[in-house]
Amino acid sequence: MINNEDFAKRLQEVIDFYGESASSFAEKIGVQRSSISHILSGRNKPSLDFVLKILSHYPEVELYWLLNGKGTFPTSNALPKDEPKKTEVPLEIQTKLKLDVNDGKQIERIVIFYSDGTFKNFQN
């Protein structure tokens, strides 16, 4: 039987590892934000579908570790917590930036905000 309190702690650890908020994590795995909230608070138990969504979107999470704390997280091929994930800037943005920047300065970071409140961070 799964221990809800321990599962919630491990779920929070996964969310924190990827630098997500509960709502952005919910959006990425395709569940309601309230599902995350209810599991983290101990109100609800995670469904099999919920667990499978986490595993399919975050392959670094091991099933046995998530369910009962046995095993490791992150797996050895995951990025360390303090190393940010690098995302490639789309080619059309790179092209536009090369045309508009002529003063010798280098672009350090671009943040794109979407109408749904999410954003993407591109670092050079």
N, C-alpha and C. Protein backbone atom coordinates (compact mmCIF):
# COMPACT_ATOMS: atom_id res chain seq x y z
N MET A 1 0.84 -1.18 0.00
CA MET A 1 0.00 0.00 0.00
C MET A 1 0.88 1.25 0.00
N ILE A 2 0.49 2.23 -0.75
CA ILE A 2 1.28 3.46 -0.88
C ILE A 2 1.02 4.39 0.30
N ASN A 3 2.08 4.99 0.82
CA ASN A 3 1.96 5.96 1.90
C ASN A 3 1.77 7.34 1.26
N ASN A 4 0.58 7.92 1.44
CA ASN A 4 0.27 9.21 0.80
C ASN A 4 1.23 10.32 1.18
N GLU A 5 1.57 10.39 2.46
CA GLU A 5 2.44 11.47 2.92
C GLU A 5 3.82 11.37 2.29
N ASP A 6 4.38 10.16 2.25
CA ASP A 6 5.70 9.97 1.64
C ASP A 6 5.64 10.18 0.13
N PHE A 7 4.56 9.71 -0.51
CA PHE A 7 4.40 9.94 -1.94
C PHE A 7 4.38 11.43 -2.24
N ALA A 8 3.64 12.19 -1.42
CA ALA A 8 3.54 13.64 -1.61
C ALA A 8 4.91 14.29 -1.49
N LYS A 9 5.73 13.82 -0.55
CA LYS A 9 7.08 14.38 -0.40
C LYS A 9 7.94 14.09 -1.64
N ARG A 10 7.82 12.87 -2.15
CA ARG A 10 8.59 12.53 -3.35
C ARG A 10 8.09 13.30 -4.57
N LEU A 11 6.78 13.48 -4.67
CA LEU A 11 6.23 14.27 -5.78
C LEU A 11 6.74 15.71 -5.70
N GLN A 12 6.74 16.28 -4.50
CA GLN A 12 7.26 17.64 -4.32
C GLN A 12 8.73 17.71 -4.69
N GLU A 13 9.48 16.66 -4.38
CA GLU A 13 10.90 16.61 -4.74
C GLU A 13 11.09 16.64 -6.26
N VAL A 14 10.24 15.90 -6.98
CA VAL A 14 10.30 15.89 -8.44
C VAL A 14 9.97 17.28 -8.98
N ILE A 15 8.92 17.89 -8.47
CA ILE A 15 8.51 19.22 -8.91
C ILE A 15 9.64 20.22 -8.67
N ASP A 16 10.24 20.17 -7.48
CA ASP A 16 11.33 21.10 -7.15
C ASP A 16 12.57 20.84 -8.01
N PHE A 17 12.88 19.58 -8.26
CA PHE A 17 14.06 19.24 -9.05
C PHE A 17 14.01 19.89 -10.42
N TYR A 18 12.84 19.91 -11.03
CA TYR A 18 12.69 20.49 -12.36
C TYR A 18 12.38 21.98 -12.33
N GLY A 19 12.34 22.56 -11.14
CA GLY A 19 12.09 24.00 -11.02
C GLY A 19 10.70 24.39 -11.46
N GLU A 20 9.76 23.52 -11.28
CA GLU A 20 8.37 23.78 -11.70
C GLU A 20 7.54 24.26 -10.53
N SER A 21 6.45 24.92 -10.85
CA SER A 21 5.41 25.17 -9.86
C SER A 21 4.43 24.01 -9.98
N ALA A 22 3.56 23.87 -9.00
CA ALA A 22 2.58 22.78 -9.06
C ALA A 22 1.70 22.93 -10.30
N SER A 23 1.33 24.16 -10.64
CA SER A 23 0.45 24.34 -11.80
C SER A 23 1.17 24.06 -13.12
N SER A 24 2.43 24.46 -13.24
CA SER A 24 3.15 24.18 -14.49
C SER A 24 3.44 22.68 -14.61
N PHE A 25 3.70 22.03 -13.49
CA PHE A 25 3.92 20.58 -13.50
C PHE A 25 2.64 19.87 -13.94
N ALA A 26 1.50 20.30 -13.40
CA ALA A 26 0.21 19.71 -13.77
C ALA A 26 -0.04 19.88 -15.26
N GLU A 27 0.27 21.06 -15.78
CA GLU A 27 0.06 21.31 -17.20
C GLU A 27 0.94 20.40 -18.06
N LYS A 28 2.19 20.22 -17.64
CA LYS A 28 3.11 19.39 -18.43
C LYS A 28 2.69 17.93 -18.48
N ILE A 29 2.16 17.42 -17.37
CA ILE A 29 1.78 16.00 -17.39
C ILE A 29 0.33 15.80 -17.80
N GLY A 30 -0.42 16.90 -17.96
CA GLY A 30 -1.78 16.80 -18.49
C GLY A 30 -2.84 16.45 -17.46
N VAL A 31 -2.72 17.02 -16.26
CA VAL A 31 -3.74 16.80 -15.23
C VAL A 31 -4.23 18.16 -14.72
N GLN A 32 -5.33 18.13 -14.00
CA GLN A 32 -5.85 19.36 -13.39
C GLN A 32 -4.90 19.84 -12.30
N ARG A 33 -4.81 21.15 -12.13
CA ARG A 33 -3.97 21.68 -11.05
C ARG A 33 -4.45 21.20 -9.70
N SER A 34 -5.75 21.05 -9.56
CA SER A 34 -6.29 20.59 -8.28
C SER A 34 -5.84 19.17 -7.95
N SER A 35 -5.57 18.37 -8.96
CA SER A 35 -5.07 17.00 -8.71
C SER A 35 -3.75 17.04 -7.96
N ILE A 36 -2.86 17.91 -8.41
CA ILE A 36 -1.56 18.05 -7.74
C ILE A 36 -1.76 18.55 -6.32
N SER A 37 -2.58 19.57 -6.17
CA SER A 37 -2.84 20.15 -4.86
C SER A 37 -3.41 19.12 -3.89
N HIS A 38 -4.38 18.34 -4.36
CA HIS A 38 -5.02 17.35 -3.49
C HIS A 38 -4.07 16.23 -3.10
N ILE A 39 -3.19 15.84 -4.00
CA ILE A 39 -2.21 14.80 -3.66
C ILE A 39 -1.16 15.35 -2.70
N LEU A 40 -0.66 16.55 -2.97
CA LEU A 40 0.34 17.15 -2.09
C LEU A 40 -0.20 17.39 -0.67
N SER A 41 -1.48 17.70 -0.57
CA SER A 41 -2.07 17.95 0.75
C SER A 41 -2.48 16.66 1.46
N GLY A 42 -2.47 15.54 0.74
CA GLY A 42 -2.86 14.28 1.34
C GLY A 42 -4.35 13.98 1.23
N ARG A 43 -5.09 14.86 0.60
CA ARG A 43 -6.53 14.65 0.46
C ARG A 43 -6.86 13.45 -0.42
N ASN A 44 -6.13 13.32 -1.55
CA ASN A 44 -6.38 12.23 -2.49
C ASN A 44 -5.14 11.36 -2.65
N LYS A 45 -5.37 10.12 -3.04
CA LYS A 45 -4.29 9.22 -3.40
C LYS A 45 -4.04 9.35 -4.90
N PRO A 46 -2.81 9.14 -5.33
CA PRO A 46 -2.53 9.21 -6.77
C PRO A 46 -3.13 8.01 -7.49
N SER A 47 -3.70 8.25 -8.65
CA SER A 47 -4.23 7.16 -9.47
C SER A 47 -3.09 6.56 -10.29
N LEU A 48 -3.33 5.39 -10.83
CA LEU A 48 -2.35 4.77 -11.71
C LEU A 48 -2.10 5.65 -12.93
N ASP A 49 -3.15 6.25 -13.48
CA ASP A 49 -3.03 7.14 -14.62
C ASP A 49 -2.12 8.33 -14.28
N PHE A 50 -2.29 8.88 -13.10
CA PHE A 50 -1.48 10.01 -12.65
C PHE A 50 0.00 9.62 -12.61
N VAL A 51 0.30 8.49 -12.00
CA VAL A 51 1.67 8.01 -11.88
C VAL A 51 2.27 7.76 -13.27
N LEU A 52 1.50 7.14 -14.15
CA LEU A 52 2.00 6.85 -15.50
C LEU A 52 2.28 8.12 -16.28
N LYS A 53 1.48 9.16 -16.06
CA LYS A 53 1.73 10.44 -16.74
C LYS A 53 3.05 11.05 -16.28
N ILE A 54 3.33 10.94 -14.99
CA ILE A 54 4.61 11.46 -14.48
C ILE A 54 5.76 10.69 -15.13
N LEU A 55 5.66 9.37 -15.13
CA LEU A 55 6.73 8.54 -15.68
C LEU A 55 6.94 8.77 -17.17
N SER A 56 5.86 9.03 -17.91
CA SER A 56 6.02 9.22 -19.35
C SER A 56 6.61 10.58 -19.69
N HIS A 57 6.36 11.59 -18.87
CA HIS A 57 6.90 12.93 -19.15
C HIS A 57 8.25 13.18 -18.49
N TYR A 58 8.55 12.41 -17.47
CA TYR A 58 9.82 12.57 -16.75
C TYR A 58 10.48 11.20 -16.61
N PRO A 59 11.18 10.75 -17.65
CA PRO A 59 11.77 9.40 -17.62
C PRO A 59 12.86 9.23 -16.56
N GLU A 60 13.36 10.32 -15.99
CA GLU A 60 14.37 10.22 -14.94
C GLU A 60 13.77 9.75 -13.63
N VAL A 61 12.44 9.76 -13.51
CA VAL A 61 11.77 9.33 -12.30
C VAL A 61 11.55 7.82 -12.38
N GLU A 62 12.02 7.10 -11.37
CA GLU A 62 11.84 5.66 -11.33
C GLU A 62 10.53 5.32 -10.63
N LEU A 63 9.82 4.35 -11.16
CA LEU A 63 8.52 3.96 -10.62
C LEU A 63 8.61 3.55 -9.15
N TYR A 64 9.53 2.67 -8.81
CA TYR A 64 9.62 2.17 -7.44
C TYR A 64 10.01 3.27 -6.47
N TRP A 65 10.85 4.18 -6.92
CA TRP A 65 11.21 5.30 -6.06
C TRP A 65 9.99 6.18 -5.81
N LEU A 66 9.25 6.48 -6.86
CA LEU A 66 8.09 7.35 -6.73
C LEU A 66 7.03 6.72 -5.82
N LEU A 67 6.77 5.44 -5.99
CA LEU A 67 5.72 4.78 -5.22
C LEU A 67 6.10 4.47 -3.79
N ASN A 68 7.33 3.96 -3.57
CA ASN A 68 7.65 3.56 -2.20
C ASN A 68 9.02 3.99 -1.71
N GLY A 69 9.69 4.85 -2.44
CA GLY A 69 10.96 5.41 -1.97
C GLY A 69 12.16 4.51 -2.17
N LYS A 70 11.99 3.37 -2.81
CA LYS A 70 13.11 2.47 -3.06
C LYS A 70 13.67 2.74 -4.45
N GLY A 71 14.97 2.87 -4.51
CA GLY A 71 15.61 3.22 -5.77
C GLY A 71 16.22 4.59 -5.65
N THR A 72 16.45 5.24 -6.77
CA THR A 72 17.11 6.54 -6.75
C THR A 72 16.33 7.56 -7.57
N PHE A 73 16.49 8.80 -7.19
CA PHE A 73 16.02 9.92 -7.98
C PHE A 73 16.99 11.06 -7.75
N PRO A 74 17.42 11.72 -8.77
CA PRO A 74 17.19 11.40 -10.18
C PRO A 74 18.07 10.24 -10.59
N THR A 75 17.73 9.66 -11.73
CA THR A 75 18.59 8.61 -12.25
C THR A 75 19.90 9.25 -12.68
N SER A 76 20.91 8.45 -12.89
CA SER A 76 22.26 8.97 -13.15
C SER A 76 22.36 9.82 -14.40
N ASN A 77 21.43 9.66 -15.37
CA ASN A 77 21.54 10.43 -16.61
C ASN A 77 20.79 11.75 -16.55
N ALA A 78 20.21 12.09 -15.40
CA ALA A 78 19.47 13.35 -15.27
C ALA A 78 20.43 14.49 -14.95
N LEU A 79 20.01 15.70 -15.25
CA LEU A 79 20.81 16.87 -14.93
C LEU A 79 20.81 17.12 -13.43
N PRO A 80 21.93 17.55 -12.86
CA PRO A 80 21.93 17.92 -11.44
C PRO A 80 20.99 19.09 -11.21
N LYS A 81 20.53 19.23 -9.98
CA LYS A 81 19.55 20.25 -9.63
C LYS A 81 20.05 21.66 -9.91
N ASP A 82 21.35 21.91 -9.68
CA ASP A 82 21.87 23.26 -9.85
C ASP A 82 22.28 23.58 -11.29
N GLU A 83 22.19 22.63 -12.19
CA GLU A 83 22.53 22.87 -13.59
C GLU A 83 21.26 23.09 -14.39
N PRO A 84 21.04 24.31 -14.90
CA PRO A 84 19.81 24.56 -15.63
C PRO A 84 19.77 23.80 -16.95
N LYS A 85 18.56 23.43 -17.33
CA LYS A 85 18.40 22.77 -18.62
C LYS A 85 18.56 23.81 -19.72
N LYS A 86 19.31 23.46 -20.75
CA LYS A 86 19.48 24.39 -21.87
C LYS A 86 18.44 24.08 -22.93
N THR A 87 17.87 25.13 -23.46
CA THR A 87 16.87 24.99 -24.50
C THR A 87 17.37 25.77 -25.71
N GLU A 88 17.24 25.18 -26.86
CA GLU A 88 17.66 25.84 -28.08
C GLU A 88 16.68 26.95 -28.46
N VAL A 89 17.22 28.09 -28.87
CA VAL A 89 16.39 29.17 -29.35
C VAL A 89 15.97 28.82 -30.78
N PRO A 90 14.66 28.91 -31.07
CA PRO A 90 14.20 28.58 -32.42
C PRO A 90 14.95 29.38 -33.49
N LEU A 91 15.17 28.76 -34.64
CA LEU A 91 15.96 29.35 -35.72
C LEU A 91 15.41 30.70 -36.17
N GLU A 92 14.07 30.82 -36.26
CA GLU A 92 13.51 32.10 -36.71
C GLU A 92 13.80 33.23 -35.73
N ILE A 93 13.90 32.91 -34.44
CA ILE A 93 14.24 33.94 -33.45
C ILE A 93 15.73 34.26 -33.56
N GLN A 94 16.57 33.25 -33.74
CA GLN A 94 18.00 33.49 -33.90
C GLN A 94 18.26 34.40 -35.08
N THR A 95 17.60 34.14 -36.20
CA THR A 95 17.78 34.93 -37.41
C THR A 95 17.36 36.38 -37.17
N LYS A 96 16.21 36.57 -36.55
CA LYS A 96 15.71 37.91 -36.27
C LYS A 96 16.66 38.67 -35.36
N LEU A 97 17.19 37.98 -34.34
CA LEU A 97 18.10 38.63 -33.40
C LEU A 97 19.39 39.03 -34.07
N LYS A 98 19.90 38.21 -34.97
CA LYS A 98 21.14 38.55 -35.67
C LYS A 98 20.95 39.79 -36.54
N LEU A 99 19.76 39.96 -37.09
CA LEU A 99 19.49 41.13 -37.93
C LEU A 99 19.32 42.39 -37.10
N ASP A 100 18.75 42.28 -35.91
CA ASP A 100 18.42 43.45 -35.10
C ASP A 100 19.54 43.89 -34.17
N VAL A 101 20.51 43.05 -33.88
CA VAL A 101 21.55 43.39 -32.93
C VAL A 101 22.84 43.67 -33.68
N ASN A 102 23.20 44.96 -33.75
CA ASN A 102 24.39 45.35 -34.49
C ASN A 102 25.38 46.13 -33.64
N ASP A 103 25.15 46.19 -32.32
CA ASP A 103 26.01 47.02 -31.48
C ASP A 103 27.11 46.24 -30.77
N GLY A 104 27.34 44.99 -31.12
CA GLY A 104 28.42 44.20 -30.54
C GLY A 104 28.08 43.53 -29.23
N LYS A 105 26.91 43.78 -28.69
CA LYS A 105 26.52 43.14 -27.43
C LYS A 105 26.05 41.73 -27.71
N GLN A 106 26.26 40.85 -26.73
CA GLN A 106 25.78 39.48 -26.86
C GLN A 106 24.50 39.31 -26.06
N ILE A 107 23.58 38.57 -26.61
CA ILE A 107 22.33 38.29 -25.91
C ILE A 107 22.58 37.21 -24.88
N GLU A 108 22.19 37.49 -23.66
CA GLU A 108 22.38 36.53 -22.57
C GLU A 108 21.18 35.63 -22.39
N ARG A 109 19.97 36.21 -22.49
CA ARG A 109 18.77 35.43 -22.23
C ARG A 109 17.57 36.07 -22.91
N ILE A 110 16.66 35.20 -23.37
CA ILE A 110 15.39 35.63 -23.95
C ILE A 110 14.29 34.88 -23.23
N VAL A 111 13.28 35.62 -22.79
CA VAL A 111 12.14 34.99 -22.13
C VAL A 111 10.90 35.28 -22.97
N ILE A 112 10.17 34.21 -23.33
CA ILE A 112 8.95 34.36 -24.11
C ILE A 112 7.78 34.05 -23.19
N PHE A 113 6.87 34.99 -23.04
CA PHE A 113 5.70 34.81 -22.21
C PHE A 113 4.50 34.49 -23.09
N TYR A 114 3.73 33.48 -22.69
CA TYR A 114 2.55 33.07 -23.42
C TYR A 114 1.29 33.59 -22.73
N SER A 115 0.21 33.67 -23.48
CA SER A 115 -1.04 34.23 -22.95
C SER A 115 -1.64 33.40 -21.82
N ASP A 116 -1.25 32.12 -21.70
CA ASP A 116 -1.79 31.29 -20.62
C ASP A 116 -0.99 31.40 -19.32
N GLY A 117 -0.02 32.33 -19.29
CA GLY A 117 0.74 32.55 -18.08
C GLY A 117 2.04 31.74 -18.00
N THR A 118 2.27 30.87 -18.95
CA THR A 118 3.51 30.10 -18.95
C THR A 118 4.58 30.87 -19.72
N PHE A 119 5.81 30.41 -19.63
CA PHE A 119 6.89 31.06 -20.35
C PHE A 119 7.97 30.06 -20.67
N LYS A 120 8.84 30.45 -21.62
CA LYS A 120 10.03 29.66 -21.95
C LYS A 120 11.23 30.57 -21.80
N ASN A 121 12.28 30.00 -21.25
CA ASN A 121 13.49 30.74 -20.99
C ASN A 121 14.59 30.19 -21.89
N PHE A 122 15.16 31.03 -22.74
CA PHE A 122 16.23 30.62 -23.64
C PHE A 122 17.51 31.32 -23.20
N GLN A 123 18.55 30.52 -22.91
CA GLN A 123 19.83 31.11 -22.48
C GLN A 123 20.90 30.82 -23.49
N ASN A 124 21.80 31.77 -23.66
CA ASN A 124 22.90 31.64 -24.61
C ASN A 124 24.03 30.88 -23.98
